[in-house]
Amino acid sequence: MLNNYPRSARAVVTAAAALATLVLTACASQSPAPGPNVDIPAPTVPAPGAVPSEAIAIAESLLAAHGLDGLAARDVVEKMDALALEDRPSDLLLSVRPNELVVKGAGGEEGALPMPSDAFYVSLAPYVSSTHDCYFHSLTTCKGEMSGADVHVVVTDAATGDILIDEQRTTFDNGFVGLWLPRGIDAVVDIEADGRSASETLSTRKPDDATCVTTMQLT
């Protein structure tokens, strides 16, 4: 019962609970066996482009302190994806949600930037033997098994059969492949590497759809 604590203690408990929730919805630690994505309800978030100005201002201030000033959410995502793990800030949590990029500082400050209204970002970590649970992708803490691996990615619109992506990719240093997909579709993703393959159908329709996929085991 928080009301039984002094006001200062209640504030500490509340802040700790908020941080724990954010971490749990991003990547967990690695485990040797595959498991389903963590089924944690997503918070209610605004539509793309509708993030409150106060939240944007906080996010921009936090990003500027790390040399990321003046960047839109997509730019931040792509810049972080390209960085080596050792170069990603350890005191900044960047959690990708369908409609916003949540930016959290070491002191508990939290803001957000709107994600593009015409594109949905999802990050995939194909694996052979080791994976971890994840639902919302963390650009600064998520780590997959296959770092710097050459993979072939094909993405197809499940409704129309149109091929949206057919490319050879190299996984980022964190072991993930980042994809920008159209909103409002179900997408069939096929990944192949070294004669092994995996397939999964993803949704880009809802504000609580997953942005982190760690269940694609290459067999």
N, C-alpha and C. Protein backbone atom coordinates (compact mmCIF):
# COMPACT_ATOMS: atom_id res chain seq x y z
N MET A 1 0.84 -1.20 0.00
CA MET A 1 0.00 0.00 0.00
C MET A 1 0.88 1.25 0.00
N LEU A 2 0.96 1.94 -1.12
CA LEU A 2 1.84 3.08 -1.22
C LEU A 2 1.45 4.20 -0.27
N ASN A 3 0.16 4.32 0.08
CA ASN A 3 -0.27 5.41 0.94
C ASN A 3 0.31 5.32 2.34
N ASN A 4 0.83 4.16 2.70
CA ASN A 4 1.42 4.00 4.02
C ASN A 4 2.86 4.50 4.06
N TYR A 5 3.44 4.83 2.92
CA TYR A 5 4.82 5.29 2.84
C TYR A 5 4.85 6.81 2.87
N PRO A 6 5.96 7.40 3.32
CA PRO A 6 6.13 8.85 3.16
C PRO A 6 6.11 9.20 1.68
N ARG A 7 5.80 10.48 1.40
CA ARG A 7 5.68 10.90 0.00
C ARG A 7 6.94 10.61 -0.78
N SER A 8 8.13 10.85 -0.23
CA SER A 8 9.38 10.61 -0.95
C SER A 8 9.55 9.15 -1.27
N ALA A 9 9.18 8.26 -0.36
CA ALA A 9 9.31 6.83 -0.62
C ALA A 9 8.34 6.39 -1.70
N ARG A 10 7.11 6.96 -1.67
CA ARG A 10 6.14 6.61 -2.70
C ARG A 10 6.66 7.01 -4.07
N ALA A 11 7.33 8.15 -4.18
CA ALA A 11 7.86 8.61 -5.46
C ALA A 11 8.91 7.66 -5.98
N VAL A 12 9.79 7.17 -5.07
CA VAL A 12 10.83 6.23 -5.50
C VAL A 12 10.23 4.94 -6.00
N VAL A 13 9.23 4.41 -5.27
CA VAL A 13 8.58 3.17 -5.67
C VAL A 13 7.89 3.32 -7.00
N THR A 14 7.19 4.45 -7.19
CA THR A 14 6.48 4.69 -8.45
C THR A 14 7.45 4.79 -9.62
N ALA A 15 8.56 5.51 -9.44
CA ALA A 15 9.55 5.64 -10.50
C ALA A 15 10.17 4.31 -10.85
N ALA A 16 10.46 3.51 -9.83
CA ALA A 16 11.05 2.19 -10.08
C ALA A 16 10.10 1.30 -10.85
N ALA A 17 8.81 1.36 -10.50
CA ALA A 17 7.83 0.54 -11.20
C ALA A 17 7.70 0.95 -12.66
N ALA A 18 7.73 2.26 -12.92
CA ALA A 18 7.62 2.74 -14.30
C ALA A 18 8.81 2.28 -15.14
N LEU A 19 10.03 2.36 -14.56
CA LEU A 19 11.21 1.92 -15.29
C LEU A 19 11.17 0.43 -15.55
N ALA A 20 10.71 -0.35 -14.57
CA ALA A 20 10.63 -1.80 -14.75
C ALA A 20 9.68 -2.16 -15.87
N THR A 21 8.55 -1.45 -15.97
CA THR A 21 7.59 -1.72 -17.02
C THR A 21 8.19 -1.46 -18.40
N LEU A 22 8.94 -0.35 -18.53
CA LEU A 22 9.53 -0.01 -19.82
C LEU A 22 10.57 -1.04 -20.21
N VAL A 23 11.38 -1.48 -19.27
CA VAL A 23 12.41 -2.46 -19.57
C VAL A 23 11.80 -3.79 -19.98
N LEU A 24 10.74 -4.21 -19.30
CA LEU A 24 10.12 -5.49 -19.60
C LEU A 24 9.51 -5.52 -20.99
N THR A 25 9.03 -4.40 -21.47
CA THR A 25 8.42 -4.37 -22.80
C THR A 25 9.46 -4.25 -23.90
N ALA A 26 10.72 -4.03 -23.53
CA ALA A 26 11.80 -4.10 -24.50
C ALA A 26 12.43 -5.48 -24.39
N CYS A 27 13.72 -5.60 -24.72
CA CYS A 27 14.34 -6.91 -24.73
C CYS A 27 14.67 -7.40 -23.33
N ALA A 28 14.47 -8.70 -23.12
CA ALA A 28 14.92 -9.34 -21.91
C ALA A 28 16.29 -9.93 -22.17
N SER A 29 16.89 -10.58 -21.15
CA SER A 29 18.19 -11.19 -21.34
C SER A 29 18.09 -12.41 -22.23
N GLN A 30 19.22 -12.82 -22.80
CA GLN A 30 19.22 -13.95 -23.69
C GLN A 30 18.94 -15.24 -22.94
N SER A 31 18.31 -16.20 -23.62
CA SER A 31 18.07 -17.50 -23.06
C SER A 31 18.41 -18.55 -24.10
N PRO A 32 18.80 -19.76 -23.71
CA PRO A 32 19.22 -20.75 -24.69
C PRO A 32 18.09 -21.36 -25.48
N ALA A 33 16.85 -21.22 -25.00
CA ALA A 33 15.73 -21.85 -25.68
C ALA A 33 14.77 -20.79 -26.18
N PRO A 34 14.11 -21.03 -27.33
CA PRO A 34 13.17 -20.05 -27.86
C PRO A 34 11.93 -19.98 -27.01
N GLY A 35 11.28 -18.82 -27.05
CA GLY A 35 10.03 -18.65 -26.33
C GLY A 35 9.18 -17.65 -27.05
N PRO A 36 7.90 -17.59 -26.77
CA PRO A 36 7.03 -16.63 -27.45
C PRO A 36 7.34 -15.22 -27.03
N ASN A 37 6.94 -14.27 -27.85
CA ASN A 37 7.09 -12.88 -27.47
C ASN A 37 6.39 -12.63 -26.15
N VAL A 38 6.96 -11.78 -25.34
CA VAL A 38 6.34 -11.45 -24.06
C VAL A 38 5.00 -10.79 -24.32
N ASP A 39 3.96 -11.32 -23.74
CA ASP A 39 2.60 -10.82 -23.99
C ASP A 39 2.27 -9.78 -22.94
N ILE A 40 2.81 -8.58 -23.10
CA ILE A 40 2.59 -7.50 -22.16
C ILE A 40 1.75 -6.44 -22.85
N PRO A 41 0.60 -6.07 -22.29
CA PRO A 41 -0.24 -5.08 -22.94
C PRO A 41 0.52 -3.78 -23.18
N ALA A 42 0.37 -3.24 -24.35
CA ALA A 42 1.02 -1.97 -24.67
C ALA A 42 0.24 -0.81 -24.06
N PRO A 43 0.95 0.26 -23.68
CA PRO A 43 0.24 1.43 -23.17
C PRO A 43 -0.56 2.09 -24.27
N THR A 44 -1.55 2.86 -23.88
CA THR A 44 -2.30 3.62 -24.87
C THR A 44 -1.40 4.70 -25.43
N VAL A 45 -1.24 4.73 -26.74
CA VAL A 45 -0.34 5.69 -27.36
C VAL A 45 -1.08 6.47 -28.42
N PRO A 46 -0.61 7.68 -28.71
CA PRO A 46 -1.27 8.48 -29.74
C PRO A 46 -0.99 7.95 -31.12
N ALA A 47 -1.79 8.38 -32.09
CA ALA A 47 -1.54 8.03 -33.48
C ALA A 47 -0.24 8.68 -33.93
N PRO A 48 0.37 8.14 -35.00
CA PRO A 48 1.60 8.75 -35.51
C PRO A 48 1.41 10.24 -35.77
N GLY A 49 2.36 11.03 -35.33
CA GLY A 49 2.30 12.46 -35.54
C GLY A 49 1.52 13.21 -34.48
N ALA A 50 0.93 12.48 -33.49
CA ALA A 50 0.09 13.13 -32.49
C ALA A 50 0.71 13.12 -31.10
N VAL A 51 2.02 12.98 -31.00
CA VAL A 51 2.70 12.99 -29.71
C VAL A 51 2.66 14.40 -29.12
N PRO A 52 2.32 14.54 -27.84
CA PRO A 52 2.25 15.88 -27.23
C PRO A 52 3.57 16.64 -27.36
N SER A 53 3.46 17.95 -27.53
CA SER A 53 4.65 18.78 -27.73
C SER A 53 5.59 18.71 -26.54
N GLU A 54 5.04 18.56 -25.33
CA GLU A 54 5.89 18.47 -24.14
C GLU A 54 6.77 17.23 -24.19
N ALA A 55 6.18 16.11 -24.64
CA ALA A 55 6.94 14.87 -24.74
C ALA A 55 8.02 14.98 -25.82
N ILE A 56 7.69 15.64 -26.92
CA ILE A 56 8.67 15.84 -27.99
C ILE A 56 9.84 16.68 -27.50
N ALA A 57 9.54 17.73 -26.75
CA ALA A 57 10.59 18.63 -26.24
C ALA A 57 11.55 17.87 -25.33
N ILE A 58 11.01 17.01 -24.45
CA ILE A 58 11.87 16.22 -23.56
C ILE A 58 12.74 15.28 -24.36
N ALA A 59 12.13 14.59 -25.33
CA ALA A 59 12.88 13.66 -26.16
C ALA A 59 13.99 14.38 -26.93
N GLU A 60 13.69 15.53 -27.50
CA GLU A 60 14.70 16.26 -28.26
C GLU A 60 15.85 16.71 -27.37
N SER A 61 15.54 17.09 -26.13
CA SER A 61 16.59 17.51 -25.20
C SER A 61 17.50 16.34 -24.84
N LEU A 62 16.89 15.17 -24.57
CA LEU A 62 17.68 13.99 -24.24
C LEU A 62 18.55 13.55 -25.42
N LEU A 63 17.99 13.60 -26.62
CA LEU A 63 18.74 13.19 -27.80
C LEU A 63 19.86 14.17 -28.11
N ALA A 64 19.61 15.46 -27.91
CA ALA A 64 20.63 16.46 -28.18
C ALA A 64 21.85 16.25 -27.29
N ALA A 65 21.62 15.80 -26.06
CA ALA A 65 22.72 15.56 -25.13
C ALA A 65 23.61 14.41 -25.59
N HIS A 66 23.11 13.61 -26.55
CA HIS A 66 23.88 12.49 -27.08
C HIS A 66 24.25 12.71 -28.55
N GLY A 67 24.25 13.97 -28.98
CA GLY A 67 24.65 14.29 -30.34
C GLY A 67 23.63 13.91 -31.39
N LEU A 68 22.36 13.77 -30.98
CA LEU A 68 21.31 13.36 -31.91
C LEU A 68 20.27 14.46 -32.10
N ASP A 69 20.69 15.68 -31.96
CA ASP A 69 19.76 16.80 -32.04
C ASP A 69 19.28 17.02 -33.48
N GLY A 70 18.03 17.43 -33.59
CA GLY A 70 17.45 17.76 -34.89
C GLY A 70 17.02 16.57 -35.72
N LEU A 71 17.03 15.37 -35.14
CA LEU A 71 16.67 14.18 -35.90
C LEU A 71 15.22 13.77 -35.65
N ALA A 72 14.54 13.35 -36.72
CA ALA A 72 13.20 12.76 -36.58
C ALA A 72 13.37 11.32 -36.09
N ALA A 73 12.25 10.71 -35.68
CA ALA A 73 12.30 9.36 -35.12
C ALA A 73 12.95 8.37 -36.09
N ARG A 74 12.59 8.43 -37.36
CA ARG A 74 13.16 7.49 -38.32
C ARG A 74 14.67 7.66 -38.43
N ASP A 75 15.13 8.90 -38.40
CA ASP A 75 16.57 9.16 -38.46
C ASP A 75 17.29 8.59 -37.25
N VAL A 76 16.68 8.73 -36.07
CA VAL A 76 17.28 8.20 -34.85
C VAL A 76 17.37 6.68 -34.92
N VAL A 77 16.29 6.05 -35.37
CA VAL A 77 16.27 4.60 -35.49
C VAL A 77 17.38 4.13 -36.42
N GLU A 78 17.49 4.74 -37.58
CA GLU A 78 18.47 4.30 -38.57
C GLU A 78 19.90 4.58 -38.12
N LYS A 79 20.09 5.67 -37.40
CA LYS A 79 21.43 5.99 -36.89
C LYS A 79 21.84 4.98 -35.83
N MET A 80 20.92 4.64 -34.92
CA MET A 80 21.23 3.66 -33.88
C MET A 80 21.48 2.28 -34.49
N ASP A 81 20.68 1.91 -35.47
CA ASP A 81 20.86 0.61 -36.12
C ASP A 81 22.27 0.46 -36.70
N ALA A 82 22.79 1.55 -37.22
CA ALA A 82 24.09 1.50 -37.91
C ALA A 82 25.27 1.49 -36.95
N LEU A 83 25.05 1.82 -35.68
CA LEU A 83 26.14 1.91 -34.72
C LEU A 83 26.57 0.55 -34.20
N ALA A 84 27.85 0.41 -33.90
CA ALA A 84 28.33 -0.77 -33.19
C ALA A 84 27.73 -0.76 -31.78
N LEU A 85 27.56 -1.92 -31.19
CA LEU A 85 26.96 -2.00 -29.86
C LEU A 85 27.73 -1.15 -28.85
N GLU A 86 29.05 -1.17 -28.93
CA GLU A 86 29.85 -0.43 -27.96
C GLU A 86 29.69 1.08 -28.09
N ASP A 87 29.19 1.53 -29.24
CA ASP A 87 29.00 2.96 -29.46
C ASP A 87 27.58 3.43 -29.14
N ARG A 88 26.70 2.52 -28.79
CA ARG A 88 25.33 2.92 -28.46
C ARG A 88 25.28 3.40 -27.01
N PRO A 89 24.59 4.49 -26.74
CA PRO A 89 24.60 5.06 -25.39
C PRO A 89 24.02 4.10 -24.35
N SER A 90 24.74 3.96 -23.24
CA SER A 90 24.29 3.07 -22.17
C SER A 90 23.36 3.77 -21.20
N ASP A 91 23.29 5.09 -21.27
CA ASP A 91 22.45 5.86 -20.35
C ASP A 91 21.22 6.43 -21.04
N LEU A 92 20.83 5.80 -22.15
CA LEU A 92 19.66 6.25 -22.90
C LEU A 92 18.89 5.03 -23.38
N LEU A 93 17.60 4.97 -23.06
CA LEU A 93 16.76 3.87 -23.52
C LEU A 93 15.88 4.38 -24.65
N LEU A 94 15.99 3.73 -25.80
CA LEU A 94 15.20 4.09 -26.97
C LEU A 94 14.31 2.91 -27.32
N SER A 95 13.04 3.00 -27.00
CA SER A 95 12.10 1.91 -27.19
C SER A 95 11.17 2.23 -28.35
N VAL A 96 11.19 1.37 -29.37
CA VAL A 96 10.38 1.60 -30.57
C VAL A 96 8.97 1.05 -30.36
N ARG A 97 7.98 1.91 -30.40
CA ARG A 97 6.59 1.52 -30.37
C ARG A 97 6.00 1.75 -31.76
N PRO A 98 4.86 1.17 -32.09
CA PRO A 98 4.30 1.37 -33.42
C PRO A 98 4.12 2.84 -33.80
N ASN A 99 3.71 3.66 -32.84
CA ASN A 99 3.38 5.05 -33.17
C ASN A 99 4.32 6.08 -32.59
N GLU A 100 5.26 5.66 -31.74
CA GLU A 100 6.18 6.63 -31.17
C GLU A 100 7.49 5.96 -30.77
N LEU A 101 8.54 6.76 -30.75
CA LEU A 101 9.84 6.33 -30.24
C LEU A 101 9.97 6.90 -28.84
N VAL A 102 9.93 6.03 -27.84
CA VAL A 102 10.03 6.46 -26.46
C VAL A 102 11.50 6.68 -26.11
N VAL A 103 11.79 7.84 -25.54
CA VAL A 103 13.16 8.22 -25.20
C VAL A 103 13.22 8.43 -23.68
N LYS A 104 14.05 7.64 -23.00
CA LYS A 104 14.13 7.71 -21.55
C LYS A 104 15.57 7.92 -21.12
N GLY A 105 15.80 8.93 -20.29
CA GLY A 105 17.14 9.24 -19.81
C GLY A 105 17.47 8.50 -18.53
N ALA A 106 18.74 8.58 -18.14
CA ALA A 106 19.21 7.87 -16.95
C ALA A 106 18.56 8.39 -15.67
N GLY A 107 18.13 9.65 -15.70
CA GLY A 107 17.50 10.22 -14.52
C GLY A 107 16.01 10.00 -14.44
N GLY A 108 15.45 9.22 -15.38
CA GLY A 108 14.02 8.94 -15.37
C GLY A 108 13.21 9.85 -16.26
N GLU A 109 13.86 10.86 -16.88
CA GLU A 109 13.13 11.75 -17.79
C GLU A 109 12.64 10.93 -18.98
N GLU A 110 11.40 11.18 -19.39
CA GLU A 110 10.85 10.39 -20.49
C GLU A 110 10.09 11.28 -21.47
N GLY A 111 10.43 11.14 -22.73
CA GLY A 111 9.74 11.85 -23.79
C GLY A 111 9.49 10.91 -24.95
N ALA A 112 9.07 11.45 -26.07
CA ALA A 112 8.78 10.61 -27.24
C ALA A 112 8.79 11.45 -28.50
N LEU A 113 9.10 10.77 -29.61
CA LEU A 113 8.99 11.37 -30.93
C LEU A 113 7.98 10.56 -31.74
N PRO A 114 7.20 11.21 -32.60
CA PRO A 114 6.24 10.46 -33.41
C PRO A 114 6.95 9.64 -34.47
N MET A 115 6.50 8.41 -34.66
CA MET A 115 7.00 7.60 -35.76
C MET A 115 6.33 8.05 -37.06
N PRO A 116 6.91 7.72 -38.21
CA PRO A 116 6.30 8.13 -39.48
C PRO A 116 4.87 7.62 -39.63
N SER A 117 4.00 8.43 -40.18
CA SER A 117 2.60 8.04 -40.34
C SER A 117 2.40 7.05 -41.46
N ASP A 118 3.38 6.94 -42.36
CA ASP A 118 3.22 6.07 -43.53
C ASP A 118 4.11 4.84 -43.48
N ALA A 119 4.79 4.60 -42.35
CA ALA A 119 5.70 3.46 -42.28
C ALA A 119 5.73 2.89 -40.87
N PHE A 120 5.84 1.57 -40.80
CA PHE A 120 5.86 0.83 -39.55
C PHE A 120 7.23 0.16 -39.43
N TYR A 121 7.90 0.35 -38.30
CA TYR A 121 9.22 -0.23 -38.12
C TYR A 121 9.14 -1.50 -37.27
N VAL A 122 9.78 -2.55 -37.77
CA VAL A 122 9.90 -3.79 -37.00
C VAL A 122 11.32 -4.31 -37.16
N SER A 123 11.88 -4.83 -36.06
CA SER A 123 13.24 -5.33 -36.07
C SER A 123 13.23 -6.82 -35.78
N LEU A 124 13.93 -7.59 -36.61
CA LEU A 124 13.92 -9.05 -36.53
C LEU A 124 15.30 -9.57 -36.14
N ALA A 125 15.32 -10.54 -35.24
CA ALA A 125 16.57 -11.18 -34.85
C ALA A 125 16.50 -12.67 -35.19
N PRO A 126 16.85 -13.06 -36.42
CA PRO A 126 16.86 -14.49 -36.74
C PRO A 126 17.90 -15.19 -35.88
N TYR A 127 17.68 -16.48 -35.62
CA TYR A 127 18.63 -17.20 -34.77
C TYR A 127 18.64 -18.67 -35.14
N VAL A 128 19.68 -19.36 -34.69
CA VAL A 128 19.79 -20.80 -34.88
C VAL A 128 19.60 -21.53 -33.56
N SER A 129 20.29 -21.06 -32.50
CA SER A 129 20.23 -21.80 -31.24
C SER A 129 19.88 -20.97 -30.02
N SER A 130 20.01 -19.65 -30.08
CA SER A 130 19.79 -18.84 -28.88
C SER A 130 18.97 -17.61 -29.20
N THR A 131 17.94 -17.36 -28.39
CA THR A 131 17.10 -16.18 -28.58
C THR A 131 16.69 -15.63 -27.23
N HIS A 132 15.80 -14.66 -27.23
CA HIS A 132 15.30 -14.05 -26.00
C HIS A 132 13.91 -13.51 -26.27
N ASP A 133 13.16 -13.26 -25.21
CA ASP A 133 11.81 -12.71 -25.34
C ASP A 133 11.88 -11.21 -25.59
N CYS A 134 11.02 -10.73 -26.45
CA CYS A 134 10.99 -9.30 -26.74
C CYS A 134 9.64 -8.95 -27.36
N TYR A 135 9.19 -7.72 -27.16
CA TYR A 135 7.95 -7.26 -27.79
C TYR A 135 8.14 -5.89 -28.45
N PHE A 136 8.63 -4.90 -27.69
CA PHE A 136 8.97 -3.61 -28.26
C PHE A 136 10.50 -3.51 -28.33
N HIS A 137 10.98 -3.18 -29.50
CA HIS A 137 12.43 -3.21 -29.73
C HIS A 137 13.14 -2.07 -29.02
N SER A 138 14.22 -2.41 -28.33
CA SER A 138 15.09 -1.40 -27.71
C SER A 138 16.32 -1.23 -28.59
N LEU A 139 16.53 -0.04 -29.08
CA LEU A 139 17.66 0.24 -29.96
C LEU A 139 18.99 0.23 -29.23
N THR A 140 18.95 0.34 -27.91
CA THR A 140 20.20 0.44 -27.14
C THR A 140 20.50 -0.78 -26.30
N THR A 141 19.54 -1.70 -26.13
CA THR A 141 19.82 -2.85 -25.25
C THR A 141 19.55 -4.21 -25.90
N CYS A 142 18.75 -4.27 -26.96
CA CYS A 142 18.44 -5.57 -27.57
C CYS A 142 19.66 -6.15 -28.26
N LYS A 143 19.85 -7.46 -28.11
CA LYS A 143 20.98 -8.13 -28.74
C LYS A 143 20.56 -9.53 -29.19
N GLY A 144 20.76 -9.82 -30.47
CA GLY A 144 20.44 -11.13 -31.02
C GLY A 144 21.68 -11.97 -31.25
N GLU A 145 21.47 -13.19 -31.68
CA GLU A 145 22.55 -14.16 -31.83
C GLU A 145 23.44 -13.89 -33.05
N MET A 146 22.84 -13.45 -34.15
CA MET A 146 23.55 -13.44 -35.44
C MET A 146 24.03 -12.03 -35.81
N SER A 147 25.11 -11.61 -35.20
CA SER A 147 25.67 -10.29 -35.49
C SER A 147 26.48 -10.33 -36.78
N GLY A 148 26.22 -9.36 -37.66
CA GLY A 148 26.98 -9.26 -38.90
C GLY A 148 26.81 -10.43 -39.84
N ALA A 149 25.64 -11.05 -39.83
CA ALA A 149 25.37 -12.22 -40.67
C ALA A 149 24.69 -11.80 -41.97
N ASP A 150 25.05 -12.45 -43.06
CA ASP A 150 24.41 -12.20 -44.35
C ASP A 150 23.11 -13.00 -44.42
N VAL A 151 22.01 -12.32 -44.68
CA VAL A 151 20.71 -12.98 -44.76
C VAL A 151 19.96 -12.44 -45.98
N HIS A 152 19.05 -13.26 -46.50
CA HIS A 152 18.19 -12.82 -47.59
C HIS A 152 16.78 -12.65 -47.02
N VAL A 153 16.21 -11.48 -47.23
CA VAL A 153 14.91 -11.13 -46.66
C VAL A 153 13.90 -10.89 -47.78
N VAL A 154 12.76 -11.57 -47.69
CA VAL A 154 11.65 -11.35 -48.62
C VAL A 154 10.42 -11.04 -47.79
N VAL A 155 9.78 -9.93 -48.09
CA VAL A 155 8.55 -9.53 -47.38
C VAL A 155 7.43 -9.42 -48.41
N THR A 156 6.32 -10.11 -48.14
CA THR A 156 5.19 -10.14 -49.06
C THR A 156 3.92 -9.67 -48.37
N ASP A 157 3.14 -8.86 -49.04
CA ASP A 157 1.82 -8.46 -48.53
C ASP A 157 0.93 -9.70 -48.56
N ALA A 158 0.46 -10.12 -47.38
CA ALA A 158 -0.31 -11.37 -47.29
C ALA A 158 -1.61 -11.31 -48.07
N ALA A 159 -2.20 -10.12 -48.20
CA ALA A 159 -3.49 -9.99 -48.87
C ALA A 159 -3.37 -9.94 -50.38
N THR A 160 -2.34 -9.27 -50.87
CA THR A 160 -2.23 -9.04 -52.32
C THR A 160 -1.18 -9.92 -53.00
N GLY A 161 -0.25 -10.44 -52.22
CA GLY A 161 0.85 -11.20 -52.79
C GLY A 161 1.96 -10.33 -53.35
N ASP A 162 1.83 -9.01 -53.21
CA ASP A 162 2.87 -8.11 -53.70
C ASP A 162 4.14 -8.27 -52.88
N ILE A 163 5.29 -8.31 -53.55
CA ILE A 163 6.57 -8.39 -52.86
C ILE A 163 7.02 -6.98 -52.50
N LEU A 164 7.17 -6.74 -51.22
CA LEU A 164 7.53 -5.42 -50.72
C LEU A 164 9.04 -5.26 -50.57
N ILE A 165 9.71 -6.33 -50.18
CA ILE A 165 11.16 -6.33 -50.00
C ILE A 165 11.70 -7.66 -50.52
N ASP A 166 12.76 -7.61 -51.28
CA ASP A 166 13.47 -8.81 -51.74
C ASP A 166 14.93 -8.42 -51.83
N GLU A 167 15.64 -8.55 -50.71
CA GLU A 167 16.98 -7.99 -50.63
C GLU A 167 17.93 -8.89 -49.83
N GLN A 168 19.19 -8.78 -50.17
CA GLN A 168 20.25 -9.36 -49.36
C GLN A 168 20.61 -8.33 -48.30
N ARG A 169 20.61 -8.72 -47.05
CA ARG A 169 20.92 -7.81 -45.95
C ARG A 169 22.04 -8.40 -45.10
N THR A 170 22.69 -7.54 -44.33
CA THR A 170 23.63 -7.96 -43.29
C THR A 170 23.07 -7.49 -41.96
N THR A 171 22.92 -8.40 -41.01
CA THR A 171 22.36 -8.01 -39.72
C THR A 171 23.26 -6.98 -39.05
N PHE A 172 22.64 -6.10 -38.29
CA PHE A 172 23.39 -5.07 -37.58
C PHE A 172 24.25 -5.71 -36.50
N ASP A 173 25.09 -4.91 -35.87
CA ASP A 173 25.99 -5.42 -34.84
C ASP A 173 25.22 -6.05 -33.69
N ASN A 174 23.96 -5.60 -33.48
CA ASN A 174 23.15 -6.19 -32.41
C ASN A 174 22.42 -7.46 -32.84
N GLY A 175 22.66 -7.93 -34.08
CA GLY A 175 22.05 -9.17 -34.54
C GLY A 175 20.66 -9.02 -35.13
N PHE A 176 20.20 -7.81 -35.35
CA PHE A 176 18.86 -7.56 -35.86
C PHE A 176 18.89 -7.04 -37.30
N VAL A 177 17.76 -7.22 -37.97
CA VAL A 177 17.51 -6.62 -39.28
C VAL A 177 16.31 -5.69 -39.12
N GLY A 178 16.47 -4.43 -39.47
CA GLY A 178 15.37 -3.47 -39.34
C GLY A 178 14.62 -3.31 -40.64
N LEU A 179 13.28 -3.37 -40.56
CA LEU A 179 12.44 -3.25 -41.75
C LEU A 179 11.44 -2.11 -41.58
N TRP A 180 11.29 -1.30 -42.61
CA TRP A 180 10.23 -0.30 -42.67
C TRP A 180 9.16 -0.82 -43.61
N LEU A 181 7.97 -1.06 -43.07
CA LEU A 181 6.88 -1.66 -43.84
C LEU A 181 5.69 -0.70 -43.93
N PRO A 182 4.82 -0.90 -44.93
CA PRO A 182 3.60 -0.09 -44.98
C PRO A 182 2.72 -0.38 -43.76
N ARG A 183 2.00 0.61 -43.33
CA ARG A 183 1.05 0.41 -42.23
C ARG A 183 -0.24 -0.24 -42.76
N GLY A 184 -0.93 -0.92 -41.85
CA GLY A 184 -2.24 -1.44 -42.19
C GLY A 184 -2.25 -2.72 -42.97
N ILE A 185 -1.20 -3.54 -42.85
CA ILE A 185 -1.16 -4.79 -43.60
C ILE A 185 -0.74 -5.95 -42.69
N ASP A 186 -0.93 -7.17 -43.21
CA ASP A 186 -0.28 -8.34 -42.66
C ASP A 186 0.84 -8.69 -43.63
N ALA A 187 2.05 -8.85 -43.10
CA ALA A 187 3.21 -9.08 -43.95
C ALA A 187 3.81 -10.45 -43.64
N VAL A 188 4.08 -11.21 -44.69
CA VAL A 188 4.77 -12.50 -44.55
C VAL A 188 6.26 -12.24 -44.75
N VAL A 189 7.05 -12.55 -43.72
CA VAL A 189 8.49 -12.32 -43.77
C VAL A 189 9.21 -13.66 -43.87
N ASP A 190 10.04 -13.81 -44.89
CA ASP A 190 10.88 -15.00 -45.06
C ASP A 190 12.34 -14.59 -44.98
N ILE A 191 13.09 -15.30 -44.15
CA ILE A 191 14.52 -15.03 -44.00
C ILE A 191 15.29 -16.31 -44.27
N GLU A 192 16.38 -16.19 -45.03
CA GLU A 192 17.22 -17.35 -45.33
C GLU A 192 18.68 -16.99 -45.10
N ALA A 193 19.44 -17.93 -44.53
CA ALA A 193 20.87 -17.74 -44.32
C ALA A 193 21.55 -19.10 -44.24
N ASP A 194 22.60 -19.28 -45.01
CA ASP A 194 23.39 -20.52 -44.98
C ASP A 194 22.53 -21.77 -45.14
N GLY A 195 21.57 -21.70 -46.05
CA GLY A 195 20.74 -22.87 -46.32
C GLY A 195 19.64 -23.11 -45.31
N ARG A 196 19.53 -22.26 -44.31
CA ARG A 196 18.46 -22.36 -43.31
C ARG A 196 17.45 -21.25 -43.56
N SER A 197 16.20 -21.47 -43.14
CA SER A 197 15.19 -20.45 -43.40
C SER A 197 14.15 -20.42 -42.28
N ALA A 198 13.42 -19.31 -42.24
CA ALA A 198 12.33 -19.13 -41.28
C ALA A 198 11.30 -18.21 -41.90
N SER A 199 10.04 -18.37 -41.50
CA SER A 199 8.96 -17.55 -42.03
C SER A 199 8.01 -17.17 -40.91
N GLU A 200 7.50 -15.96 -40.97
CA GLU A 200 6.55 -15.50 -39.95
C GLU A 200 5.65 -14.42 -40.54
N THR A 201 4.40 -14.38 -40.10
CA THR A 201 3.47 -13.34 -40.53
C THR A 201 3.34 -12.28 -39.45
N LEU A 202 3.53 -11.03 -39.83
CA LEU A 202 3.52 -9.92 -38.89
C LEU A 202 2.38 -8.96 -39.23
N SER A 203 1.91 -8.25 -38.23
CA SER A 203 0.87 -7.24 -38.44
C SER A 203 1.45 -5.84 -38.25
N THR A 204 1.02 -4.91 -39.10
CA THR A 204 1.39 -3.50 -38.92
C THR A 204 0.12 -2.66 -38.77
N ARG A 205 -0.92 -3.26 -38.22
CA ARG A 205 -2.23 -2.62 -38.19
C ARG A 205 -2.53 -1.86 -36.90
N LYS A 206 -2.09 -2.36 -35.77
CA LYS A 206 -2.57 -1.86 -34.48
C LYS A 206 -1.49 -1.11 -33.69
N PRO A 207 -1.91 -0.22 -32.77
CA PRO A 207 -0.93 0.53 -31.98
C PRO A 207 -0.23 -0.31 -30.92
N ASP A 208 -0.61 -1.60 -30.80
CA ASP A 208 0.09 -2.47 -29.86
C ASP A 208 0.75 -3.65 -30.58
N ASP A 209 0.93 -3.55 -31.90
CA ASP A 209 1.63 -4.60 -32.63
C ASP A 209 3.10 -4.62 -32.23
N ALA A 210 3.71 -5.80 -32.29
CA ALA A 210 5.11 -5.96 -31.89
C ALA A 210 6.05 -5.25 -32.86
N THR A 211 7.10 -4.65 -32.31
CA THR A 211 8.15 -4.05 -33.14
C THR A 211 9.45 -4.84 -33.01
N CYS A 212 9.43 -5.91 -32.22
CA CYS A 212 10.62 -6.73 -31.99
C CYS A 212 10.22 -8.19 -32.17
N VAL A 213 10.85 -8.88 -33.12
CA VAL A 213 10.51 -10.27 -33.41
C VAL A 213 11.76 -11.13 -33.21
N THR A 214 11.69 -12.02 -32.23
CA THR A 214 12.85 -12.86 -31.90
C THR A 214 12.49 -14.34 -31.96
N THR A 215 11.45 -14.66 -32.71
CA THR A 215 10.94 -16.04 -32.75
C THR A 215 11.22 -16.73 -34.08
N MET A 216 12.05 -16.14 -34.95
CA MET A 216 12.32 -16.71 -36.26
C MET A 216 13.57 -17.59 -36.20
N GLN A 217 13.37 -18.86 -35.89
CA GLN A 217 14.49 -19.81 -35.82
C GLN A 217 14.79 -20.36 -37.20
N LEU A 218 16.01 -20.24 -37.63
CA LEU A 218 16.44 -20.73 -38.93
C LEU A 218 16.69 -22.24 -38.84
N THR A 219 15.96 -23.00 -39.66
CA THR A 219 16.11 -24.45 -39.64
C THR A 219 16.33 -25.00 -41.04
